[in-house]
Amino acid sequence: MSQQDWLEKDFYAVLGVSKDASAQEIKKAYRKKARDLHPDRHPDDPSAEDRFKEVGEAYSVLSDDEQREQYDAIRAMGAGGARFAPGSGGGGGGGFEDMFGSMFGGGGGRTAYSTGGQNIDMDDLLRMFGGGGGASFGGAPGGGGAGFGRGGYGTQTKGEDLRAHLTLSFRDAALGTEAKLDVGGRSVTTRIPAGVHDGQKIRLRGKGQPGQNGGPAGDLILTLDVGSDPVWSADGADLHITVPVRFDEAALGTTIEVPLFEGGHVRMKVPAGTPSGRTLRAKGKGLKTSKRTGDLRVKIEVAVPEHLDESAREAVEALRDALGDENPRAGLAEAARR
């Protein structure tokens, strides 16, 4: 997106948050909007994809502290709350003419940016926008026209990095997938490796803005937003799943079948006397990433029946009587006091 796009688009309104919203509030609003506006949920609405992209653009800028600061400054300038006035030796009223006159010698001094009673040196402002303390205007090396790069006349300059967010389902993040997204008016296709996690950043070399005067292109930095799954969770390459067992299975021991993420199942032995919350491990049954193959971590949860018929109740009461004075909470109070 160009800075002109930033002037024209109110990203806060797109996400439905206030201008002083926290990073967490912005992320929460984005996830809700992205889920509600996903084109798959509106197959008969041709405008759904555009609204979905607009939400992604807004989050891409507002979730990055540096870009958000630049966006707020540009919007303040465009809203009429800012003015440009020449520094020492300038004279005259404010305006963009003064800014450029100062930059190229017409104003005789440095340019000050003023908004809300606060003055900012124009050179600092240019550096904040990635200008590096100088301006760049077209002109190919050795050809006609002027060429002023950041490092001087005709200097090759690397293009700016672009940033974007990519929303993935848990399964796509776990197994890897091919993703296609629009960034800077271009379509970019990339392979997302298996085992990525929420918040992870991926740098795509050369997929950013083109360079100046034949310089290399910048990079595209993707921040991943990975959804949750009702059954599975991951810790690196290790997969986690919770499996319920009956009380008698936990007390007496049993063998259970545990589903695998990519299909099929693995048989696992539950030792006699296994308490609720204990984790068993199936080695090598987790995610396969470029670095390693993870394990499957199976958390045992002892299920308590909600309804007992007469015979089942009698059996439980008999067990209670057989256990006598055995107290699983013995020593808890003393340990808590220590």
C-alpha atoms as a PDB file:
ATOM      1  CA  MET A   1       0.000   0.000   0.000  1.00  0.00           C
ATOM      2  CA  SER A   2       1.159   3.523  -0.773  1.00  0.00           C
ATOM      3  CA  GLN A   3       1.061   6.368   1.708  1.00  0.00           C
ATOM      4  CA  GLN A   4      -1.796   7.803  -0.373  1.00  0.00           C
ATOM      5  CA  ASP A   5      -3.753   4.629   0.506  1.00  0.00           C
ATOM      6  CA  TRP A   6      -3.032   5.332   4.168  1.00  0.00           C
ATOM      7  CA  LEU A   7      -4.464   8.839   3.786  1.00  0.00           C
ATOM      8  CA  GLU A   8      -7.653   7.548   2.226  1.00  0.00           C
ATOM      9  CA  LYS A   9      -8.336   4.495   4.399  1.00  0.00           C
ATOM     10  CA  ASP A  10      -9.392   4.554   8.059  1.00  0.00           C
ATOM     11  CA  PHE A  11      -7.982   1.249   9.287  1.00  0.00           C
ATOM     12  CA  TYR A  12      -9.350   1.787  12.793  1.00  0.00           C
ATOM     13  CA  ALA A  13     -12.864   2.026  11.391  1.00  0.00           C
ATOM     14  CA  VAL A  14     -12.288  -1.066   9.233  1.00  0.00           C
ATOM     15  CA  LEU A  15     -11.488  -3.124  12.349  1.00  0.00           C
ATOM     16  CA  GLY A  16     -14.079  -1.323  14.492  1.00  0.00           C
ATOM     17  CA  VAL A  17     -11.615  -0.187  17.189  1.00  0.00           C
ATOM     18  CA  SER A  18     -10.704   3.181  18.650  1.00  0.00           C
ATOM     19  CA  LYS A  19      -7.484   5.011  17.746  1.00  0.00           C
ATOM     20  CA  ASP A  20      -6.041   4.293  21.190  1.00  0.00           C
ATOM     21  CA  ALA A  21      -6.878   0.560  21.087  1.00  0.00           C
ATOM     22  CA  SER A  22      -4.261  -1.781  22.537  1.00  0.00           C
ATOM     23  CA  ALA A  23      -2.420  -4.358  20.423  1.00  0.00           C
ATOM     24  CA  GLN A  24      -4.493  -7.116  22.036  1.00  0.00           C
ATOM     25  CA  GLU A  25      -7.761  -5.312  21.242  1.00  0.00           C
ATOM     26  CA  ILE A  26      -6.672  -4.854  17.639  1.00  0.00           C
ATOM     27  CA  LYS A  27      -5.741  -8.533  17.277  1.00  0.00           C
ATOM     28  CA  LYS A  28      -9.029  -9.664  18.843  1.00  0.00           C
ATOM     29  CA  ALA A  29     -11.053  -7.413  16.526  1.00  0.00           C
ATOM     30  CA  TYR A  30      -9.109  -8.615  13.476  1.00  0.00           C
ATOM     31  CA  ARG A  31      -9.656 -12.284  14.250  1.00  0.00           C
ATOM     32  CA  LYS A  32     -13.383 -11.750  14.684  1.00  0.00           C
ATOM     33  CA  LYS A  33     -13.663  -9.731  11.474  1.00  0.00           C
ATOM     34  CA  ALA A  34     -11.521 -12.194   9.499  1.00  0.00           C
ATOM     35  CA  ARG A  35     -13.644 -15.105  10.712  1.00  0.00           C
ATOM     36  CA  ASP A  36     -16.960 -13.363  10.023  1.00  0.00           C
ATOM     37  CA  LEU A  37     -15.936 -11.998   6.608  1.00  0.00           C
ATOM     38  CA  HIS A  38     -14.055 -15.005   5.252  1.00  0.00           C
ATOM     39  CA  PRO A  39     -15.150 -15.588   1.622  1.00  0.00           C
ATOM     40  CA  ASP A  40     -15.866 -19.251   2.360  1.00  0.00           C
ATOM     41  CA  ARG A  41     -18.692 -18.114   4.640  1.00  0.00           C
ATOM     42  CA  HIS A  42     -20.171 -15.878   1.924  1.00  0.00           C
ATOM     43  CA  PRO A  43     -19.962 -17.903  -1.296  1.00  0.00           C
ATOM     44  CA  ASP A  44     -22.759 -15.906  -2.956  1.00  0.00           C
ATOM     45  CA  ASP A  45     -21.356 -12.458  -2.112  1.00  0.00           C
ATOM     46  CA  PRO A  46     -18.782 -11.265  -4.703  1.00  0.00           C
ATOM     47  CA  SER A  47     -17.724  -8.370  -2.463  1.00  0.00           C
ATOM     48  CA  ALA A  48     -16.820 -10.630   0.494  1.00  0.00           C
ATOM     49  CA  GLU A  49     -13.259 -11.199  -0.713  1.00  0.00           C
ATOM     50  CA  ASP A  50     -12.616  -7.445  -1.020  1.00  0.00           C
ATOM     51  CA  ARG A  51     -13.901  -6.824   2.519  1.00  0.00           C
ATOM     52  CA  PHE A  52     -11.772  -9.710   3.799  1.00  0.00           C
ATOM     53  CA  LYS A  53      -8.659  -8.243   2.106  1.00  0.00           C
ATOM     54  CA  GLU A  54      -9.437  -4.797   3.520  1.00  0.00           C
ATOM     55  CA  VAL A  55      -9.486  -6.222   7.054  1.00  0.00           C
ATOM     56  CA  GLY A  56      -6.148  -7.943   6.406  1.00  0.00           C
ATOM     57  CA  GLU A  57      -4.608  -4.696   5.123  1.00  0.00           C
ATOM     58  CA  ALA A  58      -5.792  -2.805   8.188  1.00  0.00           C
ATOM     59  CA  TYR A  59      -4.412  -5.381  10.604  1.00  0.00           C
ATOM     60  CA  SER A  60      -1.107  -5.586   8.725  1.00  0.00           C
ATOM     61  CA  VAL A  61      -0.488  -1.898   9.442  1.00  0.00           C
ATOM     62  CA  LEU A  62      -2.002  -1.489  12.911  1.00  0.00           C
ATOM     63  CA  SER A  63      -0.403  -4.624  14.363  1.00  0.00           C
ATOM     64  CA  ASP A  64       3.092  -3.356  13.538  1.00  0.00           C
ATOM     65  CA  ASP A  65       4.177  -0.653  16.003  1.00  0.00           C
ATOM     66  CA  GLU A  66       6.441   1.130  13.526  1.00  0.00           C
ATOM     67  CA  GLN A  67       3.903   1.129  10.697  1.00  0.00           C
ATOM     68  CA  ARG A  68       1.112   2.197  13.057  1.00  0.00           C
ATOM     69  CA  GLU A  69       3.180   5.204  14.147  1.00  0.00           C
ATOM     70  CA  GLN A  70       3.816   6.152  10.522  1.00  0.00           C
ATOM     71  CA  TYR A  71       0.138   5.669   9.640  1.00  0.00           C
ATOM     72  CA  ASP A  72      -1.049   7.854  12.531  1.00  0.00           C
ATOM     73  CA  ALA A  73       1.389  10.608  11.537  1.00  0.00           C
ATOM     74  CA  ILE A  74       0.341  10.553   7.881  1.00  0.00           C
ATOM     75  CA  ARG A  75      -3.355  10.562   8.808  1.00  0.00           C
ATOM     76  CA  ALA A  76      -2.769  13.522  11.129  1.00  0.00           C
ATOM     77  CA  MET A  77      -1.135  15.424   8.254  1.00  0.00           C
ATOM     78  CA  GLY A  78      -3.937  14.589   5.835  1.00  0.00           C
ATOM     79  CA  ALA A  79      -6.673  15.486   8.319  1.00  0.00           C
ATOM     80  CA  GLY A  80      -5.644  19.149   8.330  1.00  0.00           C
ATOM     81  CA  GLY A  81      -4.160  18.947  11.780  1.00  0.00           C
ATOM     82  CA  ALA A  82      -0.623  19.378  10.498  1.00  0.00           C
ATOM     83  CA  ARG A  83       1.280  22.119   8.730  1.00  0.00           C
ATOM     84  CA  PHE A  84       4.709  22.483   7.199  1.00  0.00           C
ATOM     85  CA  ALA A  85       6.695  25.600   7.967  1.00  0.00           C
ATOM     86  CA  PRO A  86      10.246  26.473   6.882  1.00  0.00           C
ATOM     87  CA  GLY A  87      12.969  26.663   9.481  1.00  0.00           C
ATOM     88  CA  SER A  88      15.567  29.400   9.837  1.00  0.00           C
ATOM     89  CA  GLY A  89      15.807  31.646   6.814  1.00  0.00           C
ATOM     90  CA  GLY A  90      12.565  30.343   5.298  1.00  0.00           C
ATOM     91  CA  GLY A  91       9.853  32.923   5.818  1.00  0.00           C
ATOM     92  CA  GLY A  92       6.331  32.713   4.424  1.00  0.00           C
ATOM     93  CA  GLY A  93       3.385  30.463   5.243  1.00  0.00           C
ATOM     94  CA  GLY A  94       3.353  26.692   5.712  1.00  0.00           C
ATOM     95  CA  GLY A  95       2.564  24.071   3.104  1.00  0.00           C
ATOM     96  CA  PHE A  96       4.051  21.299   1.031  1.00  0.00           C
ATOM     97  CA  GLU A  97       5.764  23.933  -1.156  1.00  0.00           C
ATOM     98  CA  ASP A  98       7.809  24.972   1.852  1.00  0.00           C
ATOM     99  CA  MET A  99       8.704  21.348   2.605  1.00  0.00           C
ATOM    100  CA  PHE A 100      10.108  20.715  -0.864  1.00  0.00           C
ATOM    101  CA  GLY A 101      11.666  24.164  -1.085  1.00  0.00           C
ATOM    102  CA  SER A 102      13.585  23.434   2.091  1.00  0.00           C
ATOM    103  CA  MET A 103      14.609  19.947   0.984  1.00  0.00           C
ATOM    104  CA  PHE A 104      16.094  21.175  -2.312  1.00  0.00           C
ATOM    105  CA  GLY A 105      17.482  24.530  -1.288  1.00  0.00           C
ATOM    106  CA  GLY A 106      14.532  26.790  -1.996  1.00  0.00           C
ATOM    107  CA  GLY A 107      13.671  27.419   1.624  1.00  0.00           C
ATOM    108  CA  GLY A 108      17.198  28.014   2.896  1.00  0.00           C
ATOM    109  CA  GLY A 109      16.716  25.879   5.988  1.00  0.00           C
ATOM    110  CA  ARG A 110      15.339  22.698   7.520  1.00  0.00           C
ATOM    111  CA  THR A 111      11.623  21.974   7.532  1.00  0.00           C
ATOM    112  CA  ALA A 112       9.581  21.505  10.678  1.00  0.00           C
ATOM    113  CA  TYR A 113       6.456  19.351  10.904  1.00  0.00           C
ATOM    114  CA  SER A 114       3.956  20.615  13.448  1.00  0.00           C
ATOM    115  CA  THR A 115       0.846  18.852  14.747  1.00  0.00           C
ATOM    116  CA  GLY A 116      -0.933  19.160  18.055  1.00  0.00           C
ATOM    117  CA  GLY A 117       1.594  21.749  19.233  1.00  0.00           C
ATOM    118  CA  GLN A 118       4.541  19.387  18.760  1.00  0.00           C
ATOM    119  CA  ASN A 119       7.316  20.162  16.235  1.00  0.00           C
ATOM    120  CA  ILE A 120       9.163  17.355  14.475  1.00  0.00           C
ATOM    121  CA  ASP A 121      12.225  17.928  12.281  1.00  0.00           C
ATOM    122  CA  MET A 122      11.379  16.994   8.694  1.00  0.00           C
ATOM    123  CA  ASP A 123      14.595  14.990   8.305  1.00  0.00           C
ATOM    124  CA  ASP A 124      13.508  12.860  11.262  1.00  0.00           C
ATOM    125  CA  LEU A 125      10.072  12.449   9.719  1.00  0.00           C
ATOM    126  CA  LEU A 126      11.577  11.293   6.418  1.00  0.00           C
ATOM    127  CA  ARG A 127      13.750   8.793   8.258  1.00  0.00           C
ATOM    128  CA  MET A 128      10.676   7.484  10.093  1.00  0.00           C
ATOM    129  CA  PHE A 129       9.010   6.853   6.714  1.00  0.00           C
ATOM    130  CA  GLY A 130      12.052   4.955   5.501  1.00  0.00           C
ATOM    131  CA  GLY A 131      13.647   7.867   3.642  1.00  0.00           C
ATOM    132  CA  GLY A 132      17.003   7.469   5.349  1.00  0.00           C
ATOM    133  CA  GLY A 133      17.556  11.237   5.454  1.00  0.00           C
ATOM    134  CA  GLY A 134      17.175  11.912   1.733  1.00  0.00           C
ATOM    135  CA  ALA A 135      14.698  11.776  -1.117  1.00  0.00           C
ATOM    136  CA  SER A 136      14.654   9.447  -4.106  1.00  0.00           C
ATOM    137  CA  PHE A 137      13.372  10.519  -7.476  1.00  0.00           C
ATOM    138  CA  GLY A 138      13.366   8.278 -10.639  1.00  0.00           C
ATOM    139  CA  GLY A 139      16.163   8.398 -13.211  1.00  0.00           C
ATOM    140  CA  ALA A 140      17.935   5.296 -14.358  1.00  0.00           C
ATOM    141  CA  PRO A 141      21.699   5.104 -13.931  1.00  0.00           C
ATOM    142  CA  GLY A 142      23.433   6.422 -17.023  1.00  0.00           C
ATOM    143  CA  GLY A 143      20.139   7.499 -18.624  1.00  0.00           C
ATOM    144  CA  GLY A 144      18.293  10.772 -18.915  1.00  0.00           C
ATOM    145  CA  GLY A 145      16.675  12.462 -15.958  1.00  0.00           C
ATOM    146  CA  ALA A 146      17.860  13.140 -12.473  1.00  0.00           C
ATOM    147  CA  GLY A 147      18.633  10.370 -10.026  1.00  0.00           C
ATOM    148  CA  PHE A 148      18.966  11.158  -6.348  1.00  0.00           C
ATOM    149  CA  GLY A 149      19.302   7.988  -4.204  1.00  0.00           C
ATOM    150  CA  ARG A 150      19.574   7.807  -0.452  1.00  0.00           C
ATOM    151  CA  GLY A 151      23.309   7.448  -0.727  1.00  0.00           C
ATOM    152  CA  GLY A 152      23.733  10.097  -3.452  1.00  0.00           C
ATOM    153  CA  TYR A 153      23.362  10.509  -7.189  1.00  0.00           C
ATOM    154  CA  GLY A 154      22.361   7.294  -8.970  1.00  0.00           C
ATOM    155  CA  THR A 155      22.835   5.126  -5.886  1.00  0.00           C
ATOM    156  CA  GLN A 156      21.230   1.692  -5.994  1.00  0.00           C
ATOM    157  CA  THR A 157      18.805   1.364  -3.107  1.00  0.00           C
ATOM    158  CA  LYS A 158      17.105  -1.756  -1.781  1.00  0.00           C
ATOM    159  CA  GLY A 159      13.308  -1.657  -1.903  1.00  0.00           C
ATOM    160  CA  GLU A 160      11.216  -1.314   1.241  1.00  0.00           C
ATOM    161  CA  ASP A 161      10.100  -4.397   3.142  1.00  0.00           C
ATOM    162  CA  LEU A 162       6.389  -5.152   3.110  1.00  0.00           C
ATOM    163  CA  ARG A 163       4.426  -6.709   5.964  1.00  0.00           C
ATOM    164  CA  ALA A 164       1.269  -8.782   5.856  1.00  0.00           C
ATOM    165  CA  HIS A 165      -0.752 -11.181   8.014  1.00  0.00           C
ATOM    166  CA  LEU A 166      -1.786 -14.646   6.911  1.00  0.00           C
ATOM    167  CA  THR A 167      -4.588 -16.542   8.663  1.00  0.00           C
ATOM    168  CA  LEU A 168      -4.220 -20.337   8.740  1.00  0.00           C
ATOM    169  CA  SER A 169      -6.318 -23.136  10.143  1.00  0.00           C
ATOM    170  CA  PHE A 170      -4.646 -25.315  12.762  1.00  0.00           C
ATOM    171  CA  ARG A 171      -4.483 -28.230  10.315  1.00  0.00           C
ATOM    172  CA  ASP A 172      -2.857 -26.176   7.537  1.00  0.00           C
ATOM    173  CA  ALA A 173      -0.307 -24.813  10.005  1.00  0.00           C
ATOM    174  CA  ALA A 174       0.452 -28.290  11.313  1.00  0.00           C
ATOM    175  CA  LEU A 175       0.801 -30.053   7.950  1.00  0.00           C
ATOM    176  CA  GLY A 176       2.041 -27.144   5.834  1.00  0.00           C
ATOM    177  CA  THR A 177       0.188 -25.610   2.917  1.00  0.00           C
ATOM    178  CA  GLU A 178       0.505 -23.389  -0.136  1.00  0.00           C
ATOM    179  CA  ALA A 179      -0.805 -19.883   0.468  1.00  0.00           C
ATOM    180  CA  LYS A 180      -1.751 -17.181  -2.028  1.00  0.00           C
ATOM    181  CA  LEU A 181      -2.203 -13.573  -0.965  1.00  0.00           C
ATOM    182  CA  ASP A 182      -2.312 -10.084  -2.491  1.00  0.00           C
ATOM    183  CA  VAL A 183       0.372  -7.710  -1.233  1.00  0.00           C
ATOM    184  CA  GLY A 184       1.167  -4.295  -2.654  1.00  0.00           C
ATOM    185  CA  GLY A 185      -1.082  -4.900  -5.637  1.00  0.00           C
ATOM    186  CA  ARG A 186       0.708  -8.154  -6.526  1.00  0.00           C
ATOM    187  CA  SER A 187      -0.270 -11.776  -6.075  1.00  0.00           C
ATOM    188  CA  VAL A 188       2.256 -13.753  -4.037  1.00  0.00           C
ATOM    189  CA  THR A 189       2.245 -17.542  -3.708  1.00  0.00           C
ATOM    190  CA  THR A 190       4.415 -19.253  -1.107  1.00  0.00           C
ATOM    191  CA  ARG A 191       4.801 -22.585   0.633  1.00  0.00           C
ATOM    192  CA  ILE A 192       4.136 -22.525   4.384  1.00  0.00           C
ATOM    193  CA  PRO A 193       6.225 -25.231   6.083  1.00  0.00           C
ATOM    194  CA  ALA A 194       4.726 -27.790   8.443  1.00  0.00           C
ATOM    195  CA  GLY A 195       4.687 -27.054  12.151  1.00  0.00           C
ATOM    196  CA  VAL A 196       4.395 -23.247  12.124  1.00  0.00           C
ATOM    197  CA  HIS A 197       2.773 -21.585  15.125  1.00  0.00           C
ATOM    198  CA  ASP A 198       0.632 -18.569  15.954  1.00  0.00           C
ATOM    199  CA  GLY A 199       2.576 -15.293  15.817  1.00  0.00           C
ATOM    200  CA  GLN A 200       5.492 -16.777  13.863  1.00  0.00           C
ATOM    201  CA  LYS A 201       7.089 -14.523  11.246  1.00  0.00           C
ATOM    202  CA  ILE A 202       8.252 -15.769   7.845  1.00  0.00           C
ATOM    203  CA  ARG A 203      10.529 -13.628   5.656  1.00  0.00           C
ATOM    204  CA  LEU A 204      10.119 -14.012   1.888  1.00  0.00           C
ATOM    205  CA  ARG A 205      13.249 -12.628   0.240  1.00  0.00           C
ATOM    206  CA  GLY A 206      12.747 -10.285  -2.704  1.00  0.00           C
ATOM    207  CA  LYS A 207       8.938 -10.177  -2.439  1.00  0.00           C
ATOM    208  CA  GLY A 208       8.767  -6.596  -1.151  1.00  0.00           C
ATOM    209  CA  GLN A 209       8.878  -3.265  -2.949  1.00  0.00           C
ATOM    210  CA  PRO A 210      11.194  -3.012  -5.991  1.00  0.00           C
ATOM    211  CA  GLY A 211      14.530  -1.286  -5.458  1.00  0.00           C
ATOM    212  CA  GLN A 212      15.599   2.125  -6.783  1.00  0.00           C
ATOM    213  CA  ASN A 213      18.051   2.519  -9.659  1.00  0.00           C
ATOM    214  CA  GLY A 214      18.346  -1.232 -10.162  1.00  0.00           C
ATOM    215  CA  GLY A 215      18.709  -2.039  -6.473  1.00  0.00           C
ATOM    216  CA  PRO A 216      17.416  -5.339  -5.034  1.00  0.00           C
ATOM    217  CA  ALA A 217      13.776  -5.720  -4.024  1.00  0.00           C
ATOM    218  CA  GLY A 218      12.799  -5.649  -0.381  1.00  0.00           C
ATOM    219  CA  ASP A 219      11.387  -8.586   1.551  1.00  0.00           C
ATOM    220  CA  LEU A 220       7.867  -9.603   2.481  1.00  0.00           C
ATOM    221  CA  ILE A 221       7.467 -10.384   6.179  1.00  0.00           C
ATOM    222  CA  LEU A 222       4.471 -12.582   6.951  1.00  0.00           C
ATOM    223  CA  THR A 223       3.032 -12.804  10.450  1.00  0.00           C
ATOM    224  CA  LEU A 224       0.995 -15.992  10.914  1.00  0.00           C
ATOM    225  CA  ASP A 225      -2.342 -16.085  12.735  1.00  0.00           C
ATOM    226  CA  VAL A 226      -3.074 -19.748  13.464  1.00  0.00           C
ATOM    227  CA  GLY A 227      -6.541 -20.797  14.576  1.00  0.00           C
ATOM    228  CA  SER A 228      -7.252 -23.236  17.399  1.00  0.00           C
ATOM    229  CA  ASP A 229      -8.626 -26.785  17.116  1.00  0.00           C
ATOM    230  CA  PRO A 230     -11.223 -28.387  19.447  1.00  0.00           C
ATOM    231  CA  VAL A 231      -9.249 -31.653  19.701  1.00  0.00           C
ATOM    232  CA  TRP A 232      -5.600 -30.968  18.940  1.00  0.00           C
ATOM    233  CA  SER A 233      -2.945 -28.574  20.144  1.00  0.00           C
ATOM    234  CA  ALA A 234       0.757 -28.394  19.378  1.00  0.00           C
ATOM    235  CA  ASP A 235       3.998 -27.527  21.127  1.00  0.00           C
ATOM    236  CA  GLY A 236       6.595 -27.298  18.400  1.00  0.00           C
ATOM    237  CA  ALA A 237       6.484 -30.655  16.600  1.00  0.00           C
ATOM    238  CA  ASP A 238       4.731 -32.415  19.501  1.00  0.00           C
ATOM    239  CA  LEU A 239       0.982 -32.941  19.243  1.00  0.00           C
ATOM    240  CA  HIS A 240      -1.324 -33.016  22.267  1.00  0.00           C
ATOM    241  CA  ILE A 241      -4.687 -34.706  22.651  1.00  0.00           C
ATOM    242  CA  THR A 242      -6.908 -35.454  25.674  1.00  0.00           C
ATOM    243  CA  VAL A 243      -8.478 -38.937  25.805  1.00  0.00           C
ATOM    244  CA  PRO A 244     -11.229 -39.871  28.311  1.00  0.00           C
ATOM    245  CA  VAL A 245     -11.237 -43.286  30.045  1.00  0.00           C
ATOM    246  CA  ARG A 246     -13.665 -44.891  32.484  1.00  0.00           C
ATOM    247  CA  PHE A 247     -12.825 -45.145  36.158  1.00  0.00           C
ATOM    248  CA  ASP A 248     -12.498 -48.911  35.989  1.00  0.00           C
ATOM    249  CA  GLU A 249     -10.128 -48.630  32.993  1.00  0.00           C
ATOM    250  CA  ALA A 250      -7.911 -46.208  34.881  1.00  0.00           C
ATOM    251  CA  ALA A 251      -8.040 -48.267  38.085  1.00  0.00           C
ATOM    252  CA  LEU A 252      -7.516 -51.720  36.554  1.00  0.00           C
ATOM    253  CA  GLY A 253      -5.529 -50.774  33.452  1.00  0.00           C
ATOM    254  CA  THR A 254      -6.537 -51.126  29.807  1.00  0.00           C
ATOM    255  CA  THR A 255      -5.441 -50.626  26.201  1.00  0.00           C
ATOM    256  CA  ILE A 256      -6.981 -47.783  24.217  1.00  0.00           C
ATOM    257  CA  GLU A 257      -6.958 -46.679  20.580  1.00  0.00           C
ATOM    258  CA  VAL A 258      -5.823 -43.080  20.114  1.00  0.00           C
ATOM    259  CA  PRO A 259      -6.520 -41.291  16.791  1.00  0.00           C
ATOM    260  CA  LEU A 260      -3.583 -39.929  14.810  1.00  0.00           C
ATOM    261  CA  PHE A 261      -3.592 -36.457  13.287  1.00  0.00           C
ATOM    262  CA  GLU A 262      -3.118 -37.658   9.717  1.00  0.00           C
ATOM    263  CA  GLY A 263      -5.532 -40.579  10.032  1.00  0.00           C
ATOM    264  CA  GLY A 264      -5.494 -44.044  11.561  1.00  0.00           C
ATOM    265  CA  HIS A 265      -4.801 -44.746  15.202  1.00  0.00           C
ATOM    266  CA  VAL A 266      -2.190 -46.039  17.618  1.00  0.00           C
ATOM    267  CA  ARG A 267      -2.829 -48.506  20.461  1.00  0.00           C
ATOM    268  CA  MET A 268      -1.566 -47.384  23.860  1.00  0.00           C
ATOM    269  CA  LYS A 269      -1.475 -49.145  27.209  1.00  0.00           C
ATOM    270  CA  VAL A 270      -2.974 -47.340  30.197  1.00  0.00           C
ATOM    271  CA  PRO A 271      -1.287 -48.776  33.315  1.00  0.00           C
ATOM    272  CA  ALA A 272      -3.404 -49.800  36.302  1.00  0.00           C
ATOM    273  CA  GLY A 273      -3.852 -46.947  38.758  1.00  0.00           C
ATOM    274  CA  THR A 274      -3.410 -44.186  36.170  1.00  0.00           C
ATOM    275  CA  PRO A 275      -4.705 -40.885  37.658  1.00  0.00           C
ATOM    276  CA  SER A 276      -6.628 -38.282  35.704  1.00  0.00           C
ATOM    277  CA  GLY A 277      -4.237 -35.791  34.119  1.00  0.00           C
ATOM    278  CA  ARG A 278      -1.332 -38.175  33.540  1.00  0.00           C
ATOM    279  CA  THR A 279       0.277 -37.849  30.089  1.00  0.00           C
ATOM    280  CA  LEU A 280       1.362 -40.855  28.042  1.00  0.00           C
ATOM    281  CA  ARG A 281       3.696 -40.585  25.047  1.00  0.00           C
ATOM    282  CA  ALA A 282       3.633 -42.207  21.616  1.00  0.00           C
ATOM    283  CA  LYS A 283       7.115 -41.574  20.227  1.00  0.00           C
ATOM    284  CA  GLY A 284       7.350 -40.349  16.638  1.00  0.00           C
ATOM    285  CA  LYS A 285       3.586 -39.931  16.178  1.00  0.00           C
ATOM    286  CA  GLY A 286       3.559 -36.131  16.211  1.00  0.00           C
ATOM    287  CA  LEU A 287       4.202 -33.625  13.410  1.00  0.00           C
ATOM    288  CA  LYS A 288       6.863 -34.158  10.767  1.00  0.00           C
ATOM    289  CA  THR A 289       8.762 -30.903  10.245  1.00  0.00           C
ATOM    290  CA  SER A 290      12.008 -30.061   8.478  1.00  0.00           C
ATOM    291  CA  LYS A 291      13.807 -30.168  11.825  1.00  0.00           C
ATOM    292  CA  ARG A 292      12.394 -33.264  13.512  1.00  0.00           C
ATOM    293  CA  THR A 293       9.472 -35.626  13.981  1.00  0.00           C
ATOM    294  CA  GLY A 294       7.558 -34.910  17.152  1.00  0.00           C
ATOM    295  CA  ASP A 295       5.767 -37.159  19.617  1.00  0.00           C
ATOM    296  CA  LEU A 296       2.090 -37.611  20.410  1.00  0.00           C
ATOM    297  CA  ARG A 297       1.300 -36.598  23.995  1.00  0.00           C
ATOM    298  CA  VAL A 298      -1.875 -38.231  25.299  1.00  0.00           C
ATOM    299  CA  LYS A 299      -3.449 -36.727  28.422  1.00  0.00           C
ATOM    300  CA  ILE A 300      -5.667 -39.180  30.302  1.00  0.00           C
ATOM    301  CA  GLU A 301      -8.917 -37.822  31.682  1.00  0.00           C
ATOM    302  CA  VAL A 302     -10.942 -40.068  33.978  1.00  0.00           C
ATOM    303  CA  ALA A 303     -14.593 -39.678  33.017  1.00  0.00           C
ATOM    304  CA  VAL A 304     -17.188 -39.646  35.794  1.00  0.00           C
ATOM    305  CA  PRO A 305     -20.588 -41.063  34.775  1.00  0.00           C
ATOM    306  CA  GLU A 306     -23.379 -38.518  35.015  1.00  0.00           C
ATOM    307  CA  HIS A 307     -26.115 -41.127  35.589  1.00  0.00           C
ATOM    308  CA  LEU A 308     -25.959 -44.431  37.460  1.00  0.00           C
ATOM    309  CA  ASP A 309     -28.581 -47.167  37.350  1.00  0.00           C
ATOM    310  CA  GLU A 310     -29.326 -49.123  40.483  1.00  0.00           C
ATOM    311  CA  SER A 311     -26.798 -51.889  39.920  1.00  0.00           C
ATOM    312  CA  ALA A 312     -24.026 -49.408  39.043  1.00  0.00           C
ATOM    313  CA  ARG A 313     -24.772 -47.349  42.151  1.00  0.00           C
ATOM    314  CA  GLU A 314     -24.603 -50.451  44.333  1.00  0.00           C
ATOM    315  CA  ALA A 315     -21.254 -51.350  42.793  1.00  0.00           C
ATOM    316  CA  VAL A 316     -19.843 -47.867  43.491  1.00  0.00           C
ATOM    317  CA  GLU A 317     -21.127 -47.980  47.061  1.00  0.00           C
ATOM    318  CA  ALA A 318     -19.495 -51.368  47.509  1.00  0.00           C
ATOM    319  CA  LEU A 319     -16.220 -49.915  46.265  1.00  0.00           C
ATOM    320  CA  ARG A 320     -16.555 -47.036  48.698  1.00  0.00           C
ATOM    321  CA  ASP A 321     -17.065 -49.409  51.571  1.00  0.00           C
ATOM    322  CA  ALA A 322     -14.123 -51.537  50.444  1.00  0.00           C
ATOM    323  CA  LEU A 323     -11.802 -48.535  50.365  1.00  0.00           C
ATOM    324  CA  GLY A 324     -12.639 -47.766  53.972  1.00  0.00           C
ATOM    325  CA  ASP A 325     -10.701 -44.843  55.419  1.00  0.00           C
ATOM    326  CA  GLU A 326      -8.388 -44.346  52.444  1.00  0.00           C
ATOM    327  CA  ASN A 327      -8.198 -40.572  51.877  1.00  0.00           C
ATOM    328  CA  PRO A 328      -6.565 -39.167  48.701  1.00  0.00           C
ATOM    329  CA  ARG A 329      -6.495 -35.707  50.311  1.00  0.00           C
ATOM    330  CA  ALA A 330      -4.451 -36.762  53.295  1.00  0.00           C
ATOM    331  CA  GLY A 331      -1.613 -34.330  53.906  1.00  0.00           C
ATOM    332  CA  LEU A 332      -3.012 -31.699  51.518  1.00  0.00           C
ATOM    333  CA  ALA A 333      -3.805 -29.156  54.239  1.00  0.00           C
ATOM    334  CA  GLU A 334      -0.369 -29.522  55.808  1.00  0.00           C
ATOM    335  CA  ALA A 335       1.350 -29.159  52.424  1.00  0.00           C
ATOM    336  CA  ALA A 336      -0.722 -26.066  51.670  1.00  0.00           C
ATOM    337  CA  ARG A 337       0.358 -24.416  54.942  1.00  0.00           C
ATOM    338  CA  ARG A 338       4.038 -25.033  54.125  1.00  0.00           C
END
